[in-house]
Amino acid sequence: MRIKKGILTPCRSICTMDFDLGLCLGCGRSSDDIKTWRSKSAEQREKRCAELAEWDSSYGAALEIGAPL
């Protein structure tokens, strides 16, 4: 996870939506999750980042090395 503009975020600046999955392939968030991210409390963002850490270890890591999903 990163801190961008003082806010914890799972964003990896890959920002590619998979519309079949309904998720960003870079961070694993839905478009609604991305849109509402700044309005969430720090506690809500931390909880969501923890949930996304598991997703990140499979799909996100595969993207970094260019492996097919």
N, C-alpha and C. Protein backbone atom coordinates (compact mmCIF):
# COMPACT_ATOMS: atom_id res chain seq x y z
N MET A 1 0.83 -1.17 0.00
CA MET A 1 0.00 0.00 0.00
C MET A 1 0.89 1.25 0.00
N ARG A 2 0.35 2.33 -0.48
CA ARG A 2 1.10 3.57 -0.60
C ARG A 2 0.36 4.71 0.10
N ILE A 3 1.08 5.77 0.30
CA ILE A 3 0.47 7.02 0.75
C ILE A 3 0.57 7.99 -0.42
N LYS A 4 -0.57 8.46 -0.91
CA LYS A 4 -0.60 9.45 -1.99
C LYS A 4 -1.38 10.65 -1.48
N LYS A 5 -0.76 11.80 -1.56
CA LYS A 5 -1.39 13.04 -1.10
C LYS A 5 -1.91 12.90 0.33
N GLY A 6 -1.15 12.20 1.15
CA GLY A 6 -1.48 12.04 2.56
C GLY A 6 -2.55 11.01 2.86
N ILE A 7 -2.96 10.21 1.85
CA ILE A 7 -4.03 9.23 2.04
C ILE A 7 -3.50 7.84 1.68
N LEU A 8 -3.76 6.87 2.57
CA LEU A 8 -3.41 5.48 2.30
C LEU A 8 -4.22 5.00 1.11
N THR A 9 -3.55 4.36 0.16
CA THR A 9 -4.24 3.87 -1.04
C THR A 9 -3.58 2.59 -1.55
N PRO A 10 -4.37 1.69 -2.11
CA PRO A 10 -3.80 0.50 -2.74
C PRO A 10 -3.40 0.75 -4.19
N CYS A 11 -3.65 1.97 -4.69
CA CYS A 11 -3.37 2.30 -6.09
C CYS A 11 -1.90 2.07 -6.41
N ARG A 12 -1.67 1.41 -7.55
CA ARG A 12 -0.31 1.13 -8.00
C ARG A 12 -0.01 1.85 -9.31
N SER A 13 -0.90 2.75 -9.68
CA SER A 13 -0.77 3.53 -10.93
C SER A 13 -0.77 2.63 -12.17
N ILE A 14 -1.45 1.50 -12.09
CA ILE A 14 -1.65 0.64 -13.26
C ILE A 14 -2.99 1.01 -13.90
N CYS A 15 -4.00 1.19 -13.10
CA CYS A 15 -5.30 1.76 -13.50
C CYS A 15 -5.86 1.20 -14.80
N THR A 16 -6.13 -0.08 -14.81
CA THR A 16 -6.73 -0.74 -15.96
C THR A 16 -7.95 -1.51 -15.47
N MET A 17 -9.13 -1.08 -15.91
CA MET A 17 -10.35 -1.74 -15.48
C MET A 17 -10.62 -2.99 -16.29
N ASP A 18 -10.95 -4.07 -15.61
CA ASP A 18 -11.44 -5.29 -16.24
C ASP A 18 -12.95 -5.25 -16.05
N PHE A 19 -13.66 -4.95 -17.11
CA PHE A 19 -15.10 -4.77 -16.98
C PHE A 19 -15.84 -6.07 -16.76
N ASP A 20 -15.24 -7.21 -17.13
CA ASP A 20 -15.85 -8.50 -16.83
C ASP A 20 -15.80 -8.77 -15.33
N LEU A 21 -14.67 -8.46 -14.71
CA LEU A 21 -14.53 -8.64 -13.27
C LEU A 21 -15.14 -7.47 -12.50
N GLY A 22 -15.19 -6.32 -13.15
CA GLY A 22 -15.67 -5.12 -12.47
C GLY A 22 -14.64 -4.55 -11.51
N LEU A 23 -13.36 -4.83 -11.79
CA LEU A 23 -12.28 -4.42 -10.90
C LEU A 23 -11.13 -3.79 -11.66
N CYS A 24 -10.41 -2.92 -10.99
CA CYS A 24 -9.16 -2.40 -11.51
C CYS A 24 -8.11 -3.50 -11.36
N LEU A 25 -7.40 -3.79 -12.43
CA LEU A 25 -6.38 -4.83 -12.37
C LEU A 25 -5.14 -4.39 -11.60
N GLY A 26 -4.99 -3.11 -11.40
CA GLY A 26 -3.84 -2.61 -10.65
C GLY A 26 -4.02 -2.73 -9.15
N CYS A 27 -5.22 -2.42 -8.65
CA CYS A 27 -5.41 -2.38 -7.19
C CYS A 27 -6.52 -3.30 -6.68
N GLY A 28 -7.38 -3.77 -7.57
CA GLY A 28 -8.43 -4.69 -7.15
C GLY A 28 -9.72 -4.02 -6.69
N ARG A 29 -9.79 -2.69 -6.79
CA ARG A 29 -10.99 -2.00 -6.35
C ARG A 29 -12.00 -1.88 -7.48
N SER A 30 -13.28 -1.81 -7.10
CA SER A 30 -14.33 -1.55 -8.06
C SER A 30 -14.32 -0.06 -8.38
N SER A 31 -15.02 0.32 -9.47
CA SER A 31 -15.06 1.75 -9.80
C SER A 31 -15.76 2.54 -8.70
N ASP A 32 -16.77 1.97 -8.07
CA ASP A 32 -17.44 2.66 -6.95
C ASP A 32 -16.48 2.84 -5.77
N ASP A 33 -15.69 1.82 -5.49
CA ASP A 33 -14.71 1.89 -4.40
C ASP A 33 -13.69 3.00 -4.67
N ILE A 34 -13.25 3.09 -5.93
CA ILE A 34 -12.28 4.12 -6.31
C ILE A 34 -12.90 5.51 -6.18
N LYS A 35 -14.13 5.66 -6.67
CA LYS A 35 -14.80 6.96 -6.64
C LYS A 35 -15.01 7.48 -5.22
N THR A 36 -15.27 6.58 -4.28
CA THR A 36 -15.59 7.00 -2.91
C THR A 36 -14.40 6.93 -1.96
N TRP A 37 -13.23 6.60 -2.48
CA TRP A 37 -12.05 6.37 -1.63
C TRP A 37 -11.74 7.55 -0.71
N ARG A 38 -11.71 8.75 -1.25
CA ARG A 38 -11.34 9.93 -0.45
C ARG A 38 -12.37 10.25 0.63
N SER A 39 -13.61 9.85 0.43
CA SER A 39 -14.64 10.15 1.43
C SER A 39 -14.67 9.12 2.56
N LYS A 40 -13.92 8.04 2.43
CA LYS A 40 -13.87 7.02 3.49
C LYS A 40 -12.99 7.51 4.64
N SER A 41 -13.29 7.02 5.82
CA SER A 41 -12.45 7.36 6.97
C SER A 41 -11.12 6.62 6.86
N ALA A 42 -10.14 7.07 7.60
CA ALA A 42 -8.82 6.40 7.60
C ALA A 42 -8.98 4.95 8.02
N GLU A 43 -9.85 4.70 8.97
CA GLU A 43 -10.08 3.32 9.44
C GLU A 43 -10.69 2.46 8.32
N GLN A 44 -11.65 3.01 7.59
CA GLN A 44 -12.26 2.29 6.48
C GLN A 44 -11.23 1.99 5.38
N ARG A 45 -10.38 2.96 5.08
CA ARG A 45 -9.34 2.75 4.07
C ARG A 45 -8.36 1.68 4.52
N GLU A 46 -7.94 1.71 5.78
CA GLU A 46 -7.02 0.70 6.29
C GLU A 46 -7.63 -0.69 6.20
N LYS A 47 -8.90 -0.81 6.57
CA LYS A 47 -9.58 -2.11 6.51
C LYS A 47 -9.66 -2.61 5.07
N ARG A 48 -10.02 -1.71 4.15
CA ARG A 48 -10.14 -2.10 2.74
C ARG A 48 -8.77 -2.47 2.16
N CYS A 49 -7.74 -1.75 2.54
CA CYS A 49 -6.38 -2.08 2.07
C CYS A 49 -5.97 -3.47 2.55
N ALA A 50 -6.34 -3.80 3.76
CA ALA A 50 -6.03 -5.14 4.29
C ALA A 50 -6.76 -6.21 3.48
N GLU A 51 -8.01 -5.93 3.12
CA GLU A 51 -8.78 -6.88 2.31
C GLU A 51 -8.17 -7.03 0.92
N LEU A 52 -7.68 -5.93 0.38
CA LEU A 52 -7.11 -5.96 -0.97
C LEU A 52 -5.71 -6.56 -1.01
N ALA A 53 -5.05 -6.66 0.12
CA ALA A 53 -3.69 -7.22 0.15
C ALA A 53 -3.68 -8.65 -0.37
N GLU A 54 -4.72 -9.41 -0.07
CA GLU A 54 -4.79 -10.79 -0.55
C GLU A 54 -4.96 -10.82 -2.07
N TRP A 55 -5.83 -9.96 -2.59
CA TRP A 55 -6.02 -9.86 -4.04
C TRP A 55 -4.71 -9.45 -4.71
N ASP A 56 -4.05 -8.48 -4.10
CA ASP A 56 -2.81 -7.94 -4.65
C ASP A 56 -1.75 -9.01 -4.81
N SER A 57 -1.68 -9.94 -3.89
CA SER A 57 -0.62 -10.95 -3.93
C SER A 57 -0.78 -11.91 -5.11
N SER A 58 -1.98 -11.99 -5.68
CA SER A 58 -2.15 -12.87 -6.83
C SER A 58 -2.26 -12.08 -8.14
N TYR A 59 -3.33 -11.37 -8.35
CA TYR A 59 -3.54 -10.65 -9.61
C TYR A 59 -2.56 -9.51 -9.81
N GLY A 60 -2.41 -8.68 -8.82
CA GLY A 60 -1.52 -7.52 -8.95
C GLY A 60 -0.08 -7.91 -9.21
N ALA A 61 0.40 -8.91 -8.51
CA ALA A 61 1.78 -9.36 -8.70
C ALA A 61 1.97 -9.93 -10.11
N ALA A 62 0.97 -10.62 -10.62
CA ALA A 62 1.06 -11.17 -11.97
C ALA A 62 1.18 -10.05 -13.00
N LEU A 63 0.47 -8.96 -12.78
CA LEU A 63 0.54 -7.83 -13.70
C LEU A 63 1.92 -7.21 -13.73
N GLU A 64 2.54 -7.11 -12.57
CA GLU A 64 3.86 -6.48 -12.50
C GLU A 64 4.89 -7.21 -13.34
N ILE A 65 4.77 -8.52 -13.42
CA ILE A 65 5.76 -9.28 -14.17
C ILE A 65 5.26 -9.61 -15.59
N GLY A 66 4.06 -9.15 -15.91
CA GLY A 66 3.53 -9.35 -17.25
C GLY A 66 2.97 -10.74 -17.49
N ALA A 67 2.68 -11.47 -16.43
CA ALA A 67 2.13 -12.81 -16.58
C ALA A 67 0.66 -12.74 -16.98
N PRO A 68 0.18 -13.70 -17.76
CA PRO A 68 -1.24 -13.70 -18.11
C PRO A 68 -2.09 -14.02 -16.87
N LEU A 69 -3.27 -13.43 -16.81
CA LEU A 69 -4.14 -13.65 -15.66
C LEU A 69 -5.00 -14.87 -15.86
